[in-house]
Amino acid sequence: MKRALLIIDVQKTFTHPQWGKRNNPDAEENIKQLLDEYRKKDEEIIFIKHVSKNPLSGFHPNHEGSTFKDIVKPLETETIITKEVNSAFIDTSLENHLHERDIKEVVITGLTTPHCVSTTTRMSGNLGFTTYLIEDATAAFGIHYKETFIDAKTVHTVSLATVHDEFATVMTTGEYLQRL
């Protein structure tokens, strides 16, 4: 079965203190392990880049934060798809790109678990792709909701739980690499 590794929004803006504390500080290292393995096997790799139209956003193209983190930078020959919303499938070429290459399996990594990662995961599953979400190759930040602060680990865990076995199979980097 042909597969693709999606690396979602691993951009420098997520290092800004405004985001607060996140869980899983090794997410990028785990993404790099997967990326290295996909490169060795000459498998499809797709980088997703969030781009904002707001010039004040860290995701705006004129902002240094919009660039990919060095640890998982794409090669010139690798595909980059830009998006303006939380799903990598909405108003992008991603779905057509996958179909044109007869890709049936999508492996999802990146930032952040409750936002672009989970939304893309849900859509991938709904579109009929066999989808894997790599739990230690993604991360979340804490969230304020009304008078409550929900810590990053809880946000991450709940986000994974809401997609597992319905939209995707959630597993660790090690578990996924064993099945490759």
N, C-alpha and C. Protein backbone atom coordinates (compact mmCIF):
# COMPACT_ATOMS: atom_id res chain seq x y z
N MET A 1 0.85 -1.18 0.00
CA MET A 1 0.00 0.00 0.00
C MET A 1 0.89 1.24 0.00
N LYS A 2 0.61 2.18 -0.90
CA LYS A 2 1.38 3.42 -0.95
C LYS A 2 0.95 4.32 0.20
N ARG A 3 1.94 5.00 0.77
CA ARG A 3 1.67 5.83 1.95
C ARG A 3 2.37 7.17 1.84
N ALA A 4 1.90 8.09 2.68
CA ALA A 4 2.51 9.41 2.74
C ALA A 4 2.65 9.84 4.20
N LEU A 5 3.76 10.49 4.49
CA LEU A 5 3.99 11.10 5.80
C LEU A 5 3.62 12.57 5.71
N LEU A 6 2.69 13.01 6.55
CA LEU A 6 2.33 14.42 6.63
C LEU A 6 3.00 15.02 7.85
N ILE A 7 3.68 16.14 7.64
CA ILE A 7 4.30 16.89 8.73
C ILE A 7 3.61 18.24 8.76
N ILE A 8 2.76 18.42 9.75
CA ILE A 8 1.86 19.57 9.79
C ILE A 8 2.41 20.69 10.68
N ASP A 9 2.60 21.85 10.08
CA ASP A 9 2.85 23.11 10.81
C ASP A 9 4.01 23.07 11.81
N VAL A 10 5.07 22.39 11.50
CA VAL A 10 6.23 22.40 12.40
C VAL A 10 7.03 23.66 12.06
N GLN A 11 6.49 24.77 12.54
CA GLN A 11 7.01 26.09 12.22
C GLN A 11 7.55 26.79 13.47
N LYS A 12 8.49 27.68 13.24
CA LYS A 12 9.21 28.34 14.33
C LYS A 12 8.33 29.16 15.25
N THR A 13 7.20 29.65 14.78
CA THR A 13 6.35 30.49 15.62
C THR A 13 5.90 29.76 16.88
N PHE A 14 5.86 28.43 16.84
CA PHE A 14 5.43 27.67 18.02
C PHE A 14 6.45 27.69 19.15
N THR A 15 7.61 28.30 18.93
CA THR A 15 8.58 28.44 20.02
C THR A 15 8.37 29.75 20.79
N HIS A 16 7.48 30.60 20.31
CA HIS A 16 7.22 31.89 20.96
C HIS A 16 6.56 31.66 22.33
N PRO A 17 7.00 32.39 23.35
CA PRO A 17 6.45 32.21 24.70
C PRO A 17 4.94 32.40 24.81
N GLN A 18 4.33 33.11 23.88
CA GLN A 18 2.88 33.35 23.94
C GLN A 18 2.08 32.05 23.97
N TRP A 19 2.64 30.97 23.43
CA TRP A 19 1.93 29.70 23.37
C TRP A 19 1.89 29.01 24.73
N GLY A 20 2.81 29.36 25.62
CA GLY A 20 2.84 28.72 26.93
C GLY A 20 3.58 27.39 26.87
N LYS A 21 3.35 26.59 27.89
CA LYS A 21 4.04 25.30 28.03
C LYS A 21 3.32 24.22 27.23
N ARG A 22 4.11 23.39 26.57
CA ARG A 22 3.51 22.29 25.82
C ARG A 22 3.96 20.95 26.39
N ASN A 23 3.25 19.93 26.04
CA ASN A 23 3.68 18.57 26.38
C ASN A 23 4.63 18.07 25.30
N ASN A 24 5.15 16.90 25.49
CA ASN A 24 5.92 16.20 24.48
C ASN A 24 7.02 17.03 23.82
N PRO A 25 8.02 17.43 24.58
CA PRO A 25 9.09 18.25 24.01
C PRO A 25 9.93 17.52 22.95
N ASP A 26 9.79 16.19 22.86
CA ASP A 26 10.55 15.41 21.88
C ASP A 26 9.79 15.17 20.58
N ALA A 27 8.67 15.83 20.39
CA ALA A 27 7.85 15.59 19.19
C ALA A 27 8.66 15.77 17.91
N GLU A 28 9.44 16.84 17.82
CA GLU A 28 10.21 17.08 16.60
C GLU A 28 11.27 16.01 16.37
N GLU A 29 11.87 15.51 17.45
CA GLU A 29 12.85 14.42 17.31
C GLU A 29 12.17 13.17 16.74
N ASN A 30 10.96 12.89 17.21
CA ASN A 30 10.22 11.73 16.71
C ASN A 30 9.79 11.93 15.26
N ILE A 31 9.38 13.15 14.92
CA ILE A 31 9.05 13.44 13.53
C ILE A 31 10.28 13.22 12.66
N LYS A 32 11.43 13.66 13.14
CA LYS A 32 12.67 13.49 12.38
C LYS A 32 12.99 12.02 12.15
N GLN A 33 12.75 11.18 13.14
CA GLN A 33 12.96 9.73 12.96
C GLN A 33 12.11 9.20 11.82
N LEU A 34 10.84 9.58 11.82
CA LEU A 34 9.92 9.15 10.76
C LEU A 34 10.35 9.72 9.41
N LEU A 35 10.70 10.99 9.41
CA LEU A 35 11.14 11.65 8.18
C LEU A 35 12.37 10.96 7.60
N ASP A 36 13.36 10.66 8.45
CA ASP A 36 14.57 9.98 7.99
C ASP A 36 14.24 8.62 7.37
N GLU A 37 13.34 7.89 8.01
CA GLU A 37 12.96 6.56 7.52
C GLU A 37 12.22 6.67 6.18
N TYR A 38 11.32 7.63 6.07
CA TYR A 38 10.61 7.83 4.80
C TYR A 38 11.57 8.25 3.69
N ARG A 39 12.53 9.08 4.03
CA ARG A 39 13.53 9.47 3.02
C ARG A 39 14.37 8.27 2.58
N LYS A 40 14.77 7.44 3.53
CA LYS A 40 15.55 6.24 3.19
C LYS A 40 14.78 5.33 2.25
N LYS A 41 13.49 5.19 2.49
CA LYS A 41 12.65 4.29 1.71
C LYS A 41 12.09 4.97 0.45
N ASP A 42 12.44 6.25 0.25
CA ASP A 42 11.95 7.03 -0.89
C ASP A 42 10.41 7.02 -0.97
N GLU A 43 9.79 7.23 0.19
CA GLU A 43 8.33 7.27 0.30
C GLU A 43 7.87 8.73 0.24
N GLU A 44 6.59 8.92 0.01
CA GLU A 44 6.01 10.26 -0.14
C GLU A 44 6.05 11.02 1.19
N ILE A 45 6.55 12.24 1.13
CA ILE A 45 6.61 13.13 2.29
C ILE A 45 5.95 14.44 1.89
N ILE A 46 5.03 14.90 2.73
CA ILE A 46 4.32 16.14 2.44
C ILE A 46 4.40 17.04 3.67
N PHE A 47 4.94 18.21 3.47
CA PHE A 47 5.01 19.22 4.52
C PHE A 47 3.81 20.15 4.37
N ILE A 48 3.11 20.37 5.47
CA ILE A 48 1.98 21.28 5.49
C ILE A 48 2.44 22.53 6.23
N LYS A 49 2.18 23.68 5.62
CA LYS A 49 2.61 24.95 6.21
C LYS A 49 1.40 25.86 6.37
N HIS A 50 1.18 26.30 7.61
CA HIS A 50 0.09 27.23 7.86
C HIS A 50 0.55 28.64 7.48
N VAL A 51 -0.28 29.32 6.72
CA VAL A 51 0.02 30.68 6.28
C VAL A 51 -1.16 31.57 6.65
N SER A 52 -0.87 32.64 7.36
CA SER A 52 -1.91 33.59 7.77
C SER A 52 -1.86 34.83 6.90
N LYS A 53 -3.03 35.41 6.64
CA LYS A 53 -3.10 36.68 5.92
C LYS A 53 -2.90 37.87 6.86
N ASN A 54 -2.98 37.61 8.17
CA ASN A 54 -2.83 38.66 9.18
C ASN A 54 -1.34 39.00 9.34
N PRO A 55 -0.93 40.22 9.00
CA PRO A 55 0.48 40.57 9.09
C PRO A 55 1.05 40.55 10.51
N LEU A 56 0.20 40.50 11.52
CA LEU A 56 0.66 40.44 12.90
C LEU A 56 0.86 39.00 13.39
N SER A 57 0.40 38.04 12.63
CA SER A 57 0.49 36.64 13.03
C SER A 57 1.89 36.08 12.80
N GLY A 58 2.33 35.21 13.70
CA GLY A 58 3.60 34.51 13.53
C GLY A 58 3.59 33.57 12.33
N PHE A 59 2.41 33.30 11.79
CA PHE A 59 2.27 32.44 10.61
C PHE A 59 2.25 33.24 9.31
N HIS A 60 2.32 34.56 9.39
CA HIS A 60 2.34 35.39 8.18
C HIS A 60 3.67 35.15 7.46
N PRO A 61 3.65 35.05 6.12
CA PRO A 61 4.87 34.76 5.37
C PRO A 61 6.03 35.73 5.59
N ASN A 62 5.75 36.96 5.99
CA ASN A 62 6.81 37.93 6.24
C ASN A 62 7.44 37.78 7.63
N HIS A 63 6.90 36.89 8.43
CA HIS A 63 7.37 36.69 9.81
C HIS A 63 8.31 35.49 9.84
N GLU A 64 9.44 35.64 10.52
CA GLU A 64 10.43 34.55 10.64
C GLU A 64 9.79 33.28 11.21
N GLY A 65 8.80 33.45 12.07
CA GLY A 65 8.14 32.31 12.69
C GLY A 65 7.39 31.42 11.73
N SER A 66 7.10 31.90 10.55
CA SER A 66 6.35 31.10 9.59
C SER A 66 7.22 30.02 8.93
N THR A 67 8.53 30.12 9.08
CA THR A 67 9.42 29.14 8.44
C THR A 67 9.42 27.82 9.23
N PHE A 68 9.78 26.76 8.54
CA PHE A 68 9.85 25.44 9.17
C PHE A 68 10.99 25.39 10.17
N LYS A 69 10.80 24.62 11.24
CA LYS A 69 11.88 24.40 12.19
C LYS A 69 12.99 23.63 11.47
N ASP A 70 14.23 23.96 11.78
CA ASP A 70 15.38 23.36 11.10
C ASP A 70 15.42 21.84 11.21
N ILE A 71 14.98 21.29 12.31
CA ILE A 71 15.09 19.85 12.54
C ILE A 71 14.31 19.03 11.51
N VAL A 72 13.25 19.59 10.97
CA VAL A 72 12.44 18.86 9.98
C VAL A 72 12.17 19.71 8.74
N LYS A 73 13.18 20.36 8.27
CA LYS A 73 13.07 21.20 7.09
C LYS A 73 12.91 20.34 5.83
N PRO A 74 12.02 20.75 4.92
CA PRO A 74 11.87 19.98 3.67
C PRO A 74 13.07 20.16 2.74
N LEU A 75 13.33 19.12 1.98
CA LEU A 75 14.31 19.20 0.91
C LEU A 75 13.64 19.89 -0.29
N GLU A 76 14.44 20.40 -1.21
CA GLU A 76 13.88 21.10 -2.37
C GLU A 76 12.93 20.22 -3.18
N THR A 77 13.16 18.93 -3.18
CA THR A 77 12.35 18.01 -3.98
C THR A 77 11.08 17.56 -3.28
N GLU A 78 10.90 17.93 -2.02
CA GLU A 78 9.73 17.47 -1.26
C GLU A 78 8.57 18.45 -1.37
N THR A 79 7.39 17.90 -1.28
CA THR A 79 6.16 18.66 -1.47
C THR A 79 5.85 19.52 -0.25
N ILE A 80 5.49 20.77 -0.51
CA ILE A 80 5.00 21.68 0.53
C ILE A 80 3.62 22.15 0.09
N ILE A 81 2.65 21.97 0.95
CA ILE A 81 1.29 22.44 0.69
C ILE A 81 0.96 23.48 1.75
N THR A 82 0.52 24.64 1.32
CA THR A 82 0.15 25.69 2.27
C THR A 82 -1.36 25.66 2.51
N LYS A 83 -1.73 26.05 3.70
CA LYS A 83 -3.13 26.11 4.08
C LYS A 83 -3.37 27.39 4.89
N GLU A 84 -4.62 27.81 4.92
CA GLU A 84 -4.98 29.01 5.69
C GLU A 84 -5.94 28.70 6.83
N VAL A 85 -6.39 27.44 6.90
CA VAL A 85 -7.34 27.03 7.94
C VAL A 85 -6.76 25.82 8.67
N ASN A 86 -7.54 25.26 9.59
CA ASN A 86 -7.00 24.20 10.44
C ASN A 86 -6.91 22.83 9.78
N SER A 87 -7.56 22.60 8.66
CA SER A 87 -7.44 21.31 7.97
C SER A 87 -6.55 21.44 6.74
N ALA A 88 -5.64 20.50 6.60
CA ALA A 88 -4.75 20.49 5.44
C ALA A 88 -5.48 20.10 4.16
N PHE A 89 -6.74 19.67 4.28
CA PHE A 89 -7.52 19.27 3.11
C PHE A 89 -8.40 20.39 2.55
N ILE A 90 -8.69 21.42 3.34
CA ILE A 90 -9.63 22.46 2.89
C ILE A 90 -8.90 23.50 2.05
N ASP A 91 -9.40 23.69 0.83
CA ASP A 91 -8.86 24.67 -0.13
C ASP A 91 -7.37 24.47 -0.41
N THR A 92 -6.93 23.21 -0.44
CA THR A 92 -5.55 22.88 -0.80
C THR A 92 -5.57 21.78 -1.85
N SER A 93 -4.41 21.43 -2.32
CA SER A 93 -4.27 20.35 -3.32
C SER A 93 -4.00 18.99 -2.67
N LEU A 94 -4.07 18.90 -1.34
CA LEU A 94 -3.65 17.67 -0.65
C LEU A 94 -4.42 16.44 -1.11
N GLU A 95 -5.73 16.49 -1.11
CA GLU A 95 -6.50 15.30 -1.48
C GLU A 95 -6.17 14.85 -2.91
N ASN A 96 -6.15 15.78 -3.85
CA ASN A 96 -5.80 15.42 -5.23
C ASN A 96 -4.39 14.87 -5.32
N HIS A 97 -3.47 15.47 -4.60
CA HIS A 97 -2.08 15.02 -4.59
C HIS A 97 -2.00 13.55 -4.15
N LEU A 98 -2.73 13.21 -3.10
CA LEU A 98 -2.73 11.83 -2.61
C LEU A 98 -3.35 10.87 -3.62
N HIS A 99 -4.50 11.26 -4.17
CA HIS A 99 -5.18 10.41 -5.15
C HIS A 99 -4.35 10.22 -6.42
N GLU A 100 -3.73 11.29 -6.90
CA GLU A 100 -2.91 11.21 -8.11
C GLU A 100 -1.76 10.22 -7.95
N ARG A 101 -1.29 10.04 -6.73
CA ARG A 101 -0.16 9.14 -6.47
C ARG A 101 -0.63 7.78 -5.94
N ASP A 102 -1.95 7.58 -5.95
CA ASP A 102 -2.56 6.33 -5.49
C ASP A 102 -2.18 6.00 -4.04
N ILE A 103 -2.08 7.03 -3.23
CA ILE A 103 -1.73 6.86 -1.81
C ILE A 103 -3.00 6.52 -1.04
N LYS A 104 -2.91 5.45 -0.26
CA LYS A 104 -4.06 4.98 0.52
C LYS A 104 -3.86 5.16 2.02
N GLU A 105 -2.61 5.29 2.44
CA GLU A 105 -2.28 5.40 3.87
C GLU A 105 -1.64 6.75 4.16
N VAL A 106 -2.16 7.43 5.17
CA VAL A 106 -1.66 8.74 5.57
C VAL A 106 -1.19 8.66 7.02
N VAL A 107 0.04 9.10 7.26
CA VAL A 107 0.63 9.09 8.59
C VAL A 107 0.79 10.55 9.01
N ILE A 108 0.16 10.91 10.11
CA ILE A 108 0.07 12.31 10.50
C ILE A 108 0.92 12.62 11.73
N THR A 109 1.71 13.70 11.61
CA THR A 109 2.55 14.22 12.68
C THR A 109 2.43 15.74 12.65
N GLY A 110 2.94 16.41 13.67
CA GLY A 110 3.02 17.87 13.61
C GLY A 110 2.41 18.59 14.79
N LEU A 111 2.10 19.85 14.56
CA LEU A 111 1.61 20.75 15.61
C LEU A 111 0.32 21.44 15.16
N THR A 112 -0.57 21.62 16.03
CA THR A 112 -0.74 21.10 17.37
C THR A 112 -1.86 20.06 17.39
N THR A 113 -1.80 19.18 18.37
CA THR A 113 -2.71 18.04 18.42
C THR A 113 -4.18 18.44 18.38
N PRO A 114 -4.65 19.40 19.20
CA PRO A 114 -6.09 19.67 19.21
C PRO A 114 -6.58 20.53 18.04
N HIS A 115 -5.68 21.03 17.26
CA HIS A 115 -6.09 21.95 16.20
C HIS A 115 -5.86 21.34 14.82
N CYS A 116 -4.84 21.74 14.14
CA CYS A 116 -4.62 21.32 12.76
C CYS A 116 -4.37 19.82 12.63
N VAL A 117 -3.72 19.23 13.61
CA VAL A 117 -3.44 17.79 13.55
C VAL A 117 -4.74 17.00 13.65
N SER A 118 -5.56 17.27 14.65
CA SER A 118 -6.79 16.48 14.81
C SER A 118 -7.79 16.76 13.69
N THR A 119 -7.88 17.99 13.23
CA THR A 119 -8.81 18.30 12.15
C THR A 119 -8.40 17.60 10.86
N THR A 120 -7.13 17.63 10.55
CA THR A 120 -6.63 16.94 9.36
C THR A 120 -6.82 15.43 9.51
N THR A 121 -6.60 14.90 10.70
CA THR A 121 -6.78 13.48 10.96
C THR A 121 -8.24 13.07 10.72
N ARG A 122 -9.16 13.84 11.26
CA ARG A 122 -10.58 13.53 11.07
C ARG A 122 -10.94 13.51 9.58
N MET A 123 -10.49 14.52 8.87
CA MET A 123 -10.83 14.59 7.45
C MET A 123 -10.17 13.46 6.66
N SER A 124 -8.95 13.12 7.00
CA SER A 124 -8.26 12.01 6.34
C SER A 124 -9.07 10.72 6.48
N GLY A 125 -9.49 10.44 7.70
CA GLY A 125 -10.32 9.25 7.93
C GLY A 125 -11.64 9.32 7.20
N ASN A 126 -12.30 10.48 7.24
CA ASN A 126 -13.58 10.64 6.56
C ASN A 126 -13.46 10.50 5.05
N LEU A 127 -12.31 10.87 4.50
CA LEU A 127 -12.10 10.77 3.06
C LEU A 127 -11.70 9.35 2.63
N GLY A 128 -11.58 8.45 3.60
CA GLY A 128 -11.34 7.05 3.27
C GLY A 128 -9.88 6.61 3.29
N PHE A 129 -8.99 7.46 3.71
CA PHE A 129 -7.59 7.07 3.82
C PHE A 129 -7.39 6.25 5.10
N THR A 130 -6.57 5.23 5.04
CA THR A 130 -6.13 4.54 6.24
C THR A 130 -5.20 5.51 6.94
N THR A 131 -5.57 5.92 8.13
CA THR A 131 -4.88 7.03 8.78
C THR A 131 -4.26 6.61 10.10
N TYR A 132 -3.01 7.01 10.28
CA TYR A 132 -2.28 6.79 11.53
C TYR A 132 -1.89 8.14 12.08
N LEU A 133 -2.16 8.34 13.35
CA LEU A 133 -1.74 9.56 14.05
C LEU A 133 -0.66 9.14 15.04
N ILE A 134 0.50 9.74 14.92
CA ILE A 134 1.64 9.35 15.75
C ILE A 134 1.67 10.22 17.01
N GLU A 135 1.27 9.63 18.12
CA GLU A 135 1.00 10.40 19.34
C GLU A 135 2.20 11.12 19.92
N ASP A 136 3.40 10.55 19.78
CA ASP A 136 4.57 11.22 20.33
C ASP A 136 5.31 12.04 19.27
N ALA A 137 4.69 12.20 18.11
CA ALA A 137 5.23 13.05 17.05
C ALA A 137 4.28 14.22 16.81
N THR A 138 3.59 14.59 17.86
CA THR A 138 2.72 15.75 17.88
C THR A 138 2.71 16.28 19.32
N ALA A 139 2.21 17.47 19.50
CA ALA A 139 2.20 18.07 20.84
C ALA A 139 1.07 19.09 20.94
N ALA A 140 0.74 19.42 22.17
CA ALA A 140 -0.32 20.38 22.46
C ALA A 140 0.17 21.40 23.48
N PHE A 141 -0.51 22.52 23.50
CA PHE A 141 -0.28 23.54 24.52
C PHE A 141 -1.49 23.55 25.44
N GLY A 142 -1.31 24.07 26.65
CA GLY A 142 -2.43 24.23 27.55
C GLY A 142 -3.44 25.21 26.98
N ILE A 143 -4.69 25.06 27.39
CA ILE A 143 -5.78 25.89 26.86
C ILE A 143 -6.59 26.46 28.02
N HIS A 144 -6.95 27.73 27.91
CA HIS A 144 -7.88 28.35 28.86
C HIS A 144 -9.28 28.23 28.28
N TYR A 145 -10.19 27.73 29.08
CA TYR A 145 -11.60 27.66 28.69
C TYR A 145 -12.42 28.23 29.83
N LYS A 146 -13.03 29.38 29.57
CA LYS A 146 -13.78 30.12 30.58
C LYS A 146 -12.89 30.34 31.80
N GLU A 147 -13.25 29.78 32.94
CA GLU A 147 -12.47 29.98 34.17
C GLU A 147 -11.49 28.84 34.44
N THR A 148 -11.35 27.93 33.47
CA THR A 148 -10.55 26.73 33.69
C THR A 148 -9.33 26.69 32.79
N PHE A 149 -8.20 26.27 33.36
CA PHE A 149 -7.02 26.01 32.55
C PHE A 149 -6.88 24.50 32.40
N ILE A 150 -6.76 24.05 31.17
CA ILE A 150 -6.58 22.62 30.89
C ILE A 150 -5.13 22.45 30.45
N ASP A 151 -4.38 21.65 31.19
CA ASP A 151 -2.95 21.51 30.93
C ASP A 151 -2.69 20.80 29.60
N ALA A 152 -1.49 20.99 29.07
CA ALA A 152 -1.12 20.48 27.75
C ALA A 152 -1.25 18.97 27.64
N LYS A 153 -0.84 18.25 28.66
CA LYS A 153 -0.93 16.78 28.60
C LYS A 153 -2.38 16.33 28.48
N THR A 154 -3.27 16.95 29.23
CA THR A 154 -4.69 16.58 29.17
C THR A 154 -5.27 16.92 27.81
N VAL A 155 -4.95 18.10 27.30
CA VAL A 155 -5.44 18.51 25.98
C VAL A 155 -4.97 17.49 24.93
N HIS A 156 -3.71 17.12 24.99
CA HIS A 156 -3.13 16.17 24.05
C HIS A 156 -3.83 14.81 24.13
N THR A 157 -3.97 14.31 25.35
CA THR A 157 -4.57 12.99 25.56
C THR A 157 -6.02 12.95 25.09
N VAL A 158 -6.79 13.96 25.44
CA VAL A 158 -8.20 14.00 25.02
C VAL A 158 -8.29 14.13 23.49
N SER A 159 -7.41 14.92 22.90
CA SER A 159 -7.42 15.07 21.44
C SER A 159 -7.15 13.74 20.76
N LEU A 160 -6.19 12.98 21.27
CA LEU A 160 -5.89 11.66 20.71
C LEU A 160 -7.07 10.71 20.89
N ALA A 161 -7.66 10.74 22.08
CA ALA A 161 -8.78 9.84 22.38
C ALA A 161 -9.98 10.09 21.47
N THR A 162 -10.18 11.33 21.06
CA THR A 162 -11.36 11.64 20.24
C THR A 162 -11.22 11.21 18.79
N VAL A 163 -10.02 10.85 18.35
CA VAL A 163 -9.84 10.38 16.96
C VAL A 163 -9.52 8.90 16.88
N HIS A 164 -8.98 8.32 17.96
CA HIS A 164 -8.53 6.92 17.94
C HIS A 164 -9.69 5.97 17.68
N ASP A 165 -9.47 5.05 16.77
CA ASP A 165 -10.41 3.99 16.40
C ASP A 165 -11.65 4.48 15.67
N GLU A 166 -11.82 5.76 15.50
CA GLU A 166 -12.93 6.25 14.68
C GLU A 166 -12.42 6.87 13.40
N PHE A 167 -11.40 7.71 13.50
CA PHE A 167 -10.84 8.38 12.34
C PHE A 167 -9.44 7.88 12.00
N ALA A 168 -8.76 7.31 12.99
CA ALA A 168 -7.36 6.92 12.81
C ALA A 168 -6.97 5.88 13.85
N THR A 169 -5.83 5.29 13.61
CA THR A 169 -5.19 4.45 14.62
C THR A 169 -4.08 5.31 15.23
N VAL A 170 -4.13 5.47 16.54
CA VAL A 170 -3.12 6.26 17.24
C VAL A 170 -2.05 5.31 17.75
N MET A 171 -0.79 5.64 17.46
CA MET A 171 0.32 4.82 17.93
C MET A 171 1.55 5.68 18.13
N THR A 172 2.57 5.11 18.74
CA THR A 172 3.82 5.82 18.98
C THR A 172 4.73 5.72 17.75
N THR A 173 5.76 6.52 17.74
CA THR A 173 6.76 6.46 16.67
C THR A 173 7.36 5.06 16.59
N GLY A 174 7.75 4.50 17.73
CA GLY A 174 8.35 3.17 17.76
C GLY A 174 7.40 2.11 17.21
N GLU A 175 6.14 2.17 17.60
CA GLU A 175 5.15 1.21 17.11
C GLU A 175 5.00 1.34 15.59
N TYR A 176 4.94 2.57 15.11
CA TYR A 176 4.77 2.75 13.66
C TYR A 176 6.02 2.30 12.90
N LEU A 177 7.18 2.64 13.39
CA LEU A 177 8.42 2.23 12.69
C LEU A 177 8.54 0.71 12.64
N GLN A 178 8.06 0.01 13.66
CA GLN A 178 8.09 -1.46 13.65
C GLN A 178 7.21 -2.03 12.54
N ARG A 179 6.12 -1.37 12.24
CA ARG A 179 5.22 -1.90 11.21
C ARG A 179 5.67 -1.52 9.80
N LEU A 180 6.60 -0.57 9.69
CA LEU A 180 7.09 -0.17 8.35
C LEU A 180 7.79 -1.33 7.74
